[in-house]
Protein backbone atom coordinates (compact mmCIF):
# COMPACT_ATOMS: atom_id res chain seq x y z
CA MET A 1 0.00 0.00 0.00
CA SER A 2 1.42 3.37 -1.01
CA GLY A 3 1.75 5.88 1.79
CA LEU A 4 0.94 9.55 2.16
CA PRO A 5 2.88 12.19 0.26
CA ALA A 6 5.68 13.86 2.17
CA ALA A 7 4.55 16.74 4.37
CA ALA A 8 0.83 16.14 3.83
CA HIS A 9 -1.51 18.27 5.97
CA ALA A 10 -4.68 16.54 7.17
CA MET A 11 -7.71 18.10 8.85
CA VAL A 12 -10.07 15.86 10.83
CA THR A 13 -13.38 17.24 12.06
CA GLY A 14 -14.71 15.68 15.22
CA GLY A 15 -11.10 14.72 15.87
CA GLY A 16 -11.04 14.96 19.64
CA ARG A 17 -12.59 11.62 20.47
CA GLY A 18 -13.79 8.28 19.16
CA ILE A 19 -13.28 7.42 15.50
CA GLY A 20 -12.03 10.90 14.66
CA ARG A 21 -9.28 10.80 17.25
CA GLU A 22 -8.14 7.39 16.02
CA ILE A 23 -8.11 8.62 12.43
CA ALA A 24 -6.05 11.66 13.45
CA ARG A 25 -3.58 9.49 15.36
CA THR A 26 -3.24 7.06 12.45
CA LEU A 27 -2.64 9.83 9.90
CA LYS A 28 -0.06 11.44 12.19
CA LEU A 29 1.76 8.13 12.62
CA ALA A 30 1.81 7.83 8.82
CA GLY A 31 3.67 11.14 8.60
CA ALA A 32 0.96 13.76 8.13
CA THR A 33 0.71 17.03 9.99
CA VAL A 34 -2.74 16.81 11.56
CA THR A 35 -5.16 19.54 12.59
CA ILE A 36 -8.23 18.44 14.52
CA VAL A 37 -11.46 20.41 14.84
CA GLY A 38 -14.25 20.00 17.37
CA ARG A 39 -16.56 21.75 19.80
CA ASN A 40 -14.80 20.86 23.05
CA GLY A 41 -11.49 22.66 23.47
CA ALA A 42 -10.38 20.60 26.46
CA THR A 43 -10.97 17.33 24.59
CA LEU A 44 -9.05 18.62 21.58
CA ASP A 45 -6.14 19.84 23.72
CA GLU A 46 -5.94 16.45 25.44
CA ALA A 47 -5.75 14.70 22.06
CA VAL A 48 -2.90 16.99 20.98
CA ALA A 49 -1.09 16.43 24.29
CA ALA A 50 -1.45 12.67 23.77
CA GLY A 51 0.29 12.95 20.40
CA CYS A 52 -2.79 12.28 18.27
CA ALA A 53 -2.56 15.62 16.41
CA ASP A 54 -0.34 18.64 15.93
CA HIS A 55 -2.89 21.45 16.06
CA ALA A 56 -6.45 21.91 17.32
CA ALA A 57 -9.18 24.43 16.62
CA VAL A 58 -12.60 24.88 18.20
CA ALA A 59 -15.55 25.17 15.82
CA ASP A 60 -19.00 23.68 15.32
CA VAL A 61 -19.18 22.18 11.83
CA ALA A 62 -22.81 23.28 11.61
CA ASP A 63 -21.58 26.91 11.83
CA GLN A 64 -20.24 27.62 8.35
CA GLY A 65 -18.57 30.89 9.31
CA ALA A 66 -16.77 29.47 12.32
CA LEU A 67 -15.58 26.43 10.38
CA SER A 68 -14.39 28.53 7.45
CA ALA A 69 -12.36 30.69 9.86
CA VAL A 70 -10.50 27.73 11.37
CA VAL A 71 -9.89 26.26 7.90
CA ASP A 72 -8.43 29.58 6.74
CA ALA A 73 -6.16 29.67 9.79
CA ALA A 74 -5.00 26.10 9.16
CA VAL A 75 -4.37 26.79 5.46
CA ALA A 76 -2.31 29.82 6.42
CA ARG A 77 0.03 27.46 8.27
CA GLN A 78 0.03 24.85 5.49
CA PRO A 79 -2.41 24.04 2.65
CA ILE A 80 -4.75 21.17 3.44
CA ASP A 81 -4.20 18.00 1.38
CA ILE A 82 -6.54 15.67 3.29
CA LEU A 83 -9.97 16.37 4.75
CA VAL A 84 -11.66 13.77 6.90
CA ALA A 85 -15.18 15.03 7.57
CA ASN A 86 -15.92 12.91 10.60
CA ALA A 87 -17.94 15.10 12.98
CA GLY A 88 -21.38 13.72 13.64
CA SER A 89 -24.13 13.11 16.15
CA ALA A 90 -26.91 10.56 16.52
CA GLU A 91 -30.30 10.90 18.16
CA SER A 92 -33.00 8.25 18.23
CA ALA A 93 -36.78 8.57 18.34
CA PRO A 94 -39.79 6.95 16.66
CA PHE A 95 -40.58 8.70 13.39
CA LEU A 96 -43.85 10.21 14.65
CA LYS A 97 -41.97 11.70 17.61
CA SER A 98 -39.15 13.01 15.41
CA ASP A 99 -40.06 16.67 15.03
CA ALA A 100 -38.65 19.14 12.53
CA ALA A 101 -36.06 20.34 15.03
CA LEU A 102 -34.63 16.81 15.34
CA PHE A 103 -34.39 16.45 11.56
CA HIS A 104 -32.72 19.86 11.30
CA ARG A 105 -30.17 18.95 14.01
CA MET A 106 -29.25 15.70 12.31
CA MET A 107 -28.96 17.31 8.89
CA ASP A 108 -27.03 20.34 10.17
CA ILE A 109 -24.38 18.27 11.97
CA ASN A 110 -24.14 15.11 9.89
CA PHE A 111 -24.73 16.47 6.39
CA MET A 112 -24.26 20.23 6.30
CA GLY A 113 -21.19 19.81 8.49
CA VAL A 114 -19.64 17.81 5.63
CA VAL A 115 -20.79 20.36 3.07
CA HIS A 116 -19.30 23.25 5.05
CA ALA A 117 -15.97 21.49 5.52
CA VAL A 118 -15.62 20.50 1.87
CA GLN A 119 -16.59 23.95 0.62
CA ALA A 120 -14.00 25.51 2.92
CA VAL A 121 -11.04 23.32 1.87
CA LEU A 122 -11.79 22.62 -1.79
CA PRO A 123 -10.81 25.93 -3.44
CA VAL A 124 -7.18 25.53 -2.32
CA MET A 125 -7.13 21.72 -2.56
CA LYS A 126 -8.22 21.72 -6.23
CA GLY A 127 -5.16 23.72 -7.18
CA ARG A 128 -2.70 21.27 -5.66
CA SER A 129 -1.19 18.08 -7.03
CA TYR A 130 -2.96 15.79 -4.57
CA GLY A 131 -6.15 15.90 -2.56
CA ARG A 132 -8.23 13.47 -0.55
CA ILE A 133 -11.69 14.01 0.91
CA VAL A 134 -13.12 11.26 3.08
CA ALA A 135 -16.51 11.56 4.75
CA VAL A 136 -17.23 9.30 7.69
CA ALA A 137 -20.81 8.23 7.07
CA SER A 138 -22.30 5.04 8.53
CA THR A 139 -23.97 1.84 7.50
CA ALA A 140 -27.03 4.03 8.13
CA GLY A 141 -26.02 5.73 4.88
CA LEU A 142 -26.41 2.42 3.04
CA LYS A 143 -29.45 0.82 4.70
CA GLY A 144 -32.25 1.64 7.10
CA TYR A 145 -32.52 1.22 10.85
CA PRO A 146 -35.66 1.77 12.92
CA TYR A 147 -36.00 4.74 15.28
CA VAL A 148 -33.18 6.77 13.69
CA SER A 149 -34.91 8.05 10.56
CA ALA A 150 -33.43 11.55 10.80
CA TYR A 151 -29.89 10.28 11.33
CA THR A 152 -30.29 7.71 8.55
CA ALA A 153 -31.59 10.34 6.14
CA ALA A 154 -28.62 12.59 6.90
CA LYS A 155 -26.09 9.81 6.37
CA HIS A 156 -27.75 8.79 3.09
CA ALA A 157 -27.33 12.42 2.04
CA VAL A 158 -23.60 12.21 2.82
CA VAL A 159 -23.24 9.17 0.58
CA GLY A 160 -25.14 10.89 -2.22
CA LEU A 161 -22.95 13.98 -1.91
CA THR A 162 -19.84 11.79 -2.04
CA ARG A 163 -20.89 10.11 -5.27
CA SER A 164 -21.88 13.36 -7.00
CA LEU A 165 -18.84 15.35 -5.90
CA ALA A 166 -16.50 12.54 -6.95
CA LEU A 167 -17.83 12.76 -10.51
CA GLU A 168 -17.59 16.55 -10.50
CA LEU A 169 -13.93 16.34 -9.45
CA ALA A 170 -12.98 13.25 -11.44
CA ARG A 171 -10.65 15.16 -13.79
CA SER A 172 -8.86 16.78 -10.87
CA ARG A 173 -6.39 15.11 -8.53
CA VAL A 174 -8.93 15.17 -5.70
CA THR A 175 -10.73 11.96 -4.76
CA VAL A 176 -13.91 11.85 -2.70
CA ASN A 177 -15.00 8.78 -0.77
CA ALA A 178 -17.05 7.77 2.25
CA VAL A 179 -16.40 5.14 4.87
CA CYS A 180 -19.47 3.60 6.45
CA PRO A 181 -18.75 1.97 9.80
CA GLY A 182 -21.18 -0.32 11.52
CA PHE A 183 -21.70 0.00 15.26
CA THR A 184 -18.24 0.92 16.54
CA ASP A 185 -16.77 0.67 20.03
CA THR A 186 -16.81 4.39 20.87
CA ASP A 187 -18.39 6.68 23.46
CA LEU A 188 -21.17 7.46 20.96
CA VAL A 189 -22.16 3.79 20.93
CA ALA A 190 -21.75 3.72 24.70
CA ASP A 191 -24.49 6.37 24.85
CA SER A 192 -26.69 4.12 22.71
CA VAL A 193 -25.99 1.24 25.07
CA ASP A 194 -27.07 3.40 28.02
CA THR A 195 -30.29 4.29 26.20
CA ILE A 196 -31.08 0.64 25.50
CA MET A 197 -30.43 -0.23 29.15
CA LYS A 198 -32.74 2.53 30.41
CA LYS A 199 -35.57 1.77 27.98
CA THR A 200 -35.47 -2.03 28.11
CA GLY A 201 -33.96 -2.93 31.47
CA ARG A 202 -31.32 -5.06 29.79
CA SER A 203 -27.83 -5.45 31.19
CA ARG A 204 -24.87 -3.68 29.56
CA GLU A 205 -23.73 -6.97 28.02
CA GLN A 206 -27.19 -7.60 26.60
CA ALA A 207 -27.39 -4.06 25.24
CA ILE A 208 -24.01 -4.38 23.51
CA ALA A 209 -25.09 -7.73 22.07
CA GLU A 210 -28.23 -6.04 20.68
CA LEU A 211 -26.01 -3.70 18.65
CA ALA A 212 -23.37 -6.29 17.77
CA LYS A 213 -26.00 -8.65 16.31
CA HIS A 214 -26.19 -6.43 13.21
CA ASN A 215 -22.60 -7.41 12.38
CA PRO A 216 -22.37 -10.96 10.93
CA GLN A 217 -19.06 -11.28 12.78
CA GLY A 218 -21.00 -10.75 16.01
CA ARG A 219 -18.93 -7.85 17.37
CA LEU A 220 -18.50 -4.11 17.45
CA ILE A 221 -16.13 -2.55 14.91
CA LEU A 222 -12.88 -1.13 16.33
CA PRO A 223 -12.04 2.54 15.67
CA GLN A 224 -8.63 1.46 14.36
CA GLU A 225 -10.32 -0.60 11.65
CA VAL A 226 -12.10 2.52 10.42
CA ALA A 227 -8.89 4.57 10.66
CA ASP A 228 -6.95 2.01 8.63
CA THR A 229 -9.54 2.24 5.85
CA VAL A 230 -9.32 6.03 5.85
CA LEU A 231 -5.52 5.85 5.73
CA TRP A 232 -5.67 3.62 2.66
CA LEU A 233 -8.06 5.98 0.89
CA CYS A 234 -5.75 8.89 1.66
CA GLY A 235 -2.66 7.16 0.28
CA THR A 236 -1.11 7.81 -3.11
CA GLY A 237 -1.97 4.26 -4.18
CA ALA A 238 -5.73 4.97 -3.93
CA ALA A 239 -5.79 7.58 -6.71
CA ALA A 240 -8.28 5.51 -8.74
CA ILE A 241 -10.67 5.03 -5.82
CA THR A 242 -13.31 7.76 -5.84
CA GLY A 243 -17.05 7.98 -5.41
CA GLN A 244 -17.10 4.92 -3.19
CA ALA A 245 -18.99 4.27 0.04
CA ILE A 246 -16.97 1.57 1.77
CA ALA A 247 -18.67 -0.38 4.54
CA VAL A 248 -16.50 -1.29 7.52
CA ALA A 249 -19.07 -3.53 9.10
CA GLY A 250 -18.09 -7.20 9.13
CA GLY A 251 -20.27 -8.01 6.12
CA GLU A 252 -23.45 -6.28 7.36
CA VAL A 253 -23.96 -4.55 4.01
C-alpha cells in the first residue's frame, strides 16, 4: 500500500474523540501534519497532548462561518491536502416523535457539516497536485434502521454527496470517498448502550449484544479498523478510488 505524500496536511473534524481521534492518530503516525477540529477545546487539547494531532481548533461544523475561519487559519500554516469530515451526532426517536427540530439537528451536523468542511477546503485543494476528501458516514447511509430516521436520512445524504462530488472532481487530482462503519466501540455507541439499558432494562452486556448482532461477525467494529480504511483511501496508491462508500461492518452490508 502506497503511503501519504511527504509533508501532507490533514484536517479531521470531530477529531477529539472516538473514531475521529483514532483517524487523526493514524494519519499522524503515517507522517501527516494533523489539525483536529471540534466543539470541546479541552478534549481537543488532550488529544494533541497525547500525540494524536499537531494542532487543534474549536468550531461547530454546523456553523459555516466558524468552520471557514478555522480552515483559513489552518491553510495559512500549510495548505490542506486531506480532509476527513468525521464530525457527527446521533439521536433516536420513533418517526412520529421526530419533530422538525430533530431532523434539522441531524442534517445540520451530519450532512451540512460535511458540506461546510468541503466547501472551505476545496478551493485551495483543487489547485494542488494531490487531494483526498473522506466523509465518515455510517452503515445508516447504506441501509435503514428503525428509530433513527433523521440520522439515517442525513447519512444517506452524505453518501449521495460523495458520489456526486467525486464525478464533479474526477478530472482533478482530488478523490472523494465515504467510509461507512457499523456500530463501533466508541463513546457514541456507549451512549446508545445506556439508552437501551434505560428503555429495556437489559444489562450492559445484553445491550451491547443487541447492537453487535447487526454485524455478521458478532462484534463491534474497532475505531482502528475505520482509521486504517481512511488511511488507505488517503494514500497515493488509492488515486483511482473515488465515489465509493466503503462499509466497515463485518459483512453487514
